[in-house]
């Protein structure tokens, strides 16, 4: 009767038990508990998953890019740490979720549909065919929907 009011963890397969701050070790001798600073833990996590954009706001600038051709934009981002492997792009998509502004004109597009190229801590990706501008012109990408997100996933 030491945990009065607690549910029986074993009475259903949908019950969950959350635990943190555990260090498992092999052998018969325990070492001191390893406490890592927040920034070190964050950097370790960002090797596997990086959220570039998750705003909840409209018109939030988050990328720089340029028109490679009149119907093709390239965008570039640098990761805070080198990822474990080449990540996949995880993104929201919907009608005009993103806008590319170049020369004060906004060009809406639905998703990043061009393959991603990764090199060390950098990613280049873009949109082909949903945009229209002048090749060589630079601009910025804004989120235009509160549900927009752009994440990179390199999970095991």
Protein backbone atom coordinates (compact mmCIF):
# COMPACT_ATOMS: atom_id res chain seq x y z
CA UNK A 1 0.00 0.00 0.00
CA UNK A 2 2.91 2.34 -0.70
CA UNK A 3 1.48 4.03 -3.80
CA UNK A 4 -2.10 4.71 -2.78
CA UNK A 5 -4.19 6.07 -5.67
CA UNK A 6 -1.86 4.86 -8.43
CA UNK A 7 -3.19 2.73 -11.26
CA UNK A 8 -2.11 -0.86 -11.67
CA UNK A 9 0.49 -0.66 -14.46
CA UNK A 10 -0.08 -4.30 -15.44
CA UNK A 11 -3.90 -4.23 -15.71
CA UNK A 12 -3.90 -2.99 -19.34
CA UNK A 13 -1.51 -2.98 -22.29
CA UNK A 14 -2.34 0.69 -22.90
CA UNK A 15 -0.99 1.86 -19.52
CA UNK A 16 2.22 3.85 -19.69
CA UNK A 17 5.01 4.41 -17.22
CA UNK A 18 7.37 7.34 -17.67
CA UNK A 19 10.81 7.34 -16.14
CA UNK A 20 13.82 9.59 -16.48
CA UNK A 21 17.23 9.98 -14.90
CA UNK A 22 18.16 6.29 -15.04
CA UNK A 23 21.62 5.01 -15.81
CA UNK A 24 21.98 1.33 -16.67
CA UNK A 25 25.34 -0.36 -16.39
CA UNK A 26 26.70 -3.82 -17.05
CA UNK A 27 28.63 -5.53 -14.31
CA UNK A 28 28.53 -5.48 -10.52
CA UNK A 29 30.07 -2.07 -9.83
CA UNK A 30 28.16 1.17 -10.31
CA UNK A 31 29.88 4.35 -11.42
CA UNK A 32 28.88 7.91 -10.54
CA UNK A 33 25.75 9.16 -12.29
CA UNK A 34 26.62 11.05 -15.45
CA UNK A 35 24.99 14.50 -15.60
CA UNK A 36 25.43 16.23 -18.94
CA UNK A 37 24.82 19.95 -19.47
CA UNK A 38 21.69 20.93 -21.39
CA UNK A 39 23.64 22.16 -24.44
CA UNK A 40 25.53 18.86 -24.73
CA UNK A 41 22.29 16.84 -24.56
CA UNK A 42 20.64 19.15 -27.11
CA UNK A 43 23.55 18.75 -29.51
CA UNK A 44 23.38 14.97 -29.15
CA UNK A 45 19.65 15.04 -29.94
CA UNK A 46 20.14 17.32 -32.94
CA UNK A 47 22.35 14.69 -34.56
CA UNK A 48 19.13 12.69 -35.05
CA UNK A 49 16.38 15.28 -35.43
CA UNK A 50 16.40 18.99 -36.15
CA UNK A 51 13.35 21.25 -36.27
CA UNK A 52 14.11 24.13 -38.61
CA UNK A 53 10.60 25.59 -38.47
CA UNK A 54 7.71 24.96 -36.15
CA UNK A 55 6.25 28.41 -35.70
CA UNK A 56 2.59 28.54 -34.93
CA UNK A 57 2.81 32.00 -36.52
CA UNK A 58 2.16 33.38 -39.98
CA UNK A 59 4.79 35.26 -41.96
CA UNK A 60 7.77 33.96 -40.04
CA UNK A 61 11.01 34.21 -42.03
CA UNK A 62 13.12 31.06 -41.76
CA UNK A 63 15.21 30.47 -44.91
CA UNK A 64 17.24 32.29 -47.53
CA UNK A 65 17.23 31.15 -51.12
CA UNK A 66 17.52 32.13 -54.75
CA UNK A 67 15.89 31.47 -58.10
CA UNK A 68 18.13 29.01 -59.90
CA UNK A 69 15.88 29.33 -62.92
CA UNK A 70 12.60 31.16 -63.39
CA UNK A 71 10.64 28.22 -61.95
CA UNK A 72 13.11 26.68 -59.52
CA UNK A 73 14.20 28.00 -56.11
CA UNK A 74 17.03 26.63 -54.02
CA UNK A 75 17.13 27.13 -50.25
CA UNK A 76 20.01 26.51 -47.91
CA UNK A 77 20.27 25.80 -44.20
CA UNK A 78 23.08 24.91 -41.86
CA UNK A 79 22.51 22.44 -39.04
CA UNK A 80 23.74 23.30 -35.54
CA UNK A 81 25.73 20.06 -35.50
CA UNK A 82 26.60 17.39 -38.05
CA UNK A 83 23.75 14.91 -38.30
CA UNK A 84 24.27 11.19 -37.80
CA UNK A 85 23.39 10.39 -41.42
CA UNK A 86 21.75 12.13 -44.37
CA UNK A 87 18.35 13.09 -42.97
CA UNK A 88 15.01 13.00 -44.69
CA UNK A 89 12.87 16.11 -44.93
CA UNK A 90 9.68 16.04 -42.85
CA UNK A 91 7.36 18.90 -43.71
CA UNK A 92 3.84 20.16 -43.76
CA UNK A 93 2.25 20.83 -47.09
CA UNK A 94 -0.88 22.59 -48.16
CA UNK A 95 -1.99 25.38 -50.44
CA UNK A 96 0.54 28.20 -50.21
CA UNK A 97 2.06 27.09 -46.89
CA UNK A 98 5.27 28.93 -47.83
CA UNK A 99 6.08 32.16 -49.67
CA UNK A 100 9.31 33.10 -51.42
CA UNK A 101 9.83 36.89 -51.47
CA UNK A 102 12.15 38.31 -54.09
CA UNK A 103 12.13 41.96 -55.18
CA UNK A 104 9.12 42.68 -52.92
CA UNK A 105 6.95 40.16 -54.79
CA UNK A 106 5.66 37.11 -52.94
CA UNK A 107 5.50 33.75 -54.66
CA UNK A 108 3.45 31.14 -52.76
CA UNK A 109 4.20 27.44 -52.93
CA UNK A 110 2.86 24.30 -51.26
CA UNK A 111 5.93 22.29 -50.24
CA UNK A 112 9.61 21.71 -50.78
CA UNK A 113 9.42 19.18 -53.57
CA UNK A 114 12.99 19.05 -54.78
CA UNK A 115 15.42 16.42 -53.54
CA UNK A 116 17.63 17.39 -50.68
CA UNK A 117 21.41 17.47 -50.97
CA UNK A 118 23.44 17.12 -47.78
CA UNK A 119 27.07 17.83 -47.16
CA UNK A 120 28.39 17.71 -43.60
CA UNK A 121 26.33 20.32 -41.71
CA UNK A 122 24.53 21.83 -44.71
CA UNK A 123 21.34 21.10 -46.62
CA UNK A 124 20.18 22.44 -49.96
CA UNK A 125 16.61 21.82 -51.11
CA UNK A 126 13.93 23.68 -52.98
CA UNK A 127 10.79 23.86 -55.00
CA UNK A 128 10.53 23.16 -58.71
CA UNK A 129 7.60 24.30 -60.86
CA UNK A 130 5.38 26.03 -58.26
CA UNK A 131 7.33 29.30 -58.32
CA UNK A 132 7.92 31.95 -60.94
CA UNK A 133 10.67 34.54 -60.83
CA UNK A 134 13.93 35.71 -62.34
CA UNK A 135 16.88 33.33 -62.33
CA UNK A 136 19.69 34.53 -60.07
CA UNK A 137 17.49 36.69 -57.82
CA UNK A 138 17.81 36.07 -54.12
CA UNK A 139 14.99 36.10 -51.62
CA UNK A 140 13.59 34.79 -48.36
CA UNK A 141 11.15 32.03 -47.48
CA UNK A 142 8.40 32.70 -44.97
CA UNK A 143 5.87 30.35 -43.43
CA UNK A 144 2.39 31.51 -44.32
CA UNK A 145 0.34 29.03 -42.32
CA UNK A 146 0.30 28.45 -38.57
CA UNK A 147 0.50 24.69 -39.19
CA UNK A 148 3.68 24.83 -41.28
CA UNK A 149 6.78 22.96 -40.16
CA UNK A 150 10.09 21.83 -41.66
CA UNK A 151 12.09 19.17 -39.82
CA UNK A 152 15.01 16.91 -40.65
CA UNK A 153 15.02 13.30 -39.48
CA UNK A 154 18.11 11.05 -39.25
CA UNK A 155 16.74 8.57 -36.70
CA UNK A 156 18.24 5.09 -36.48
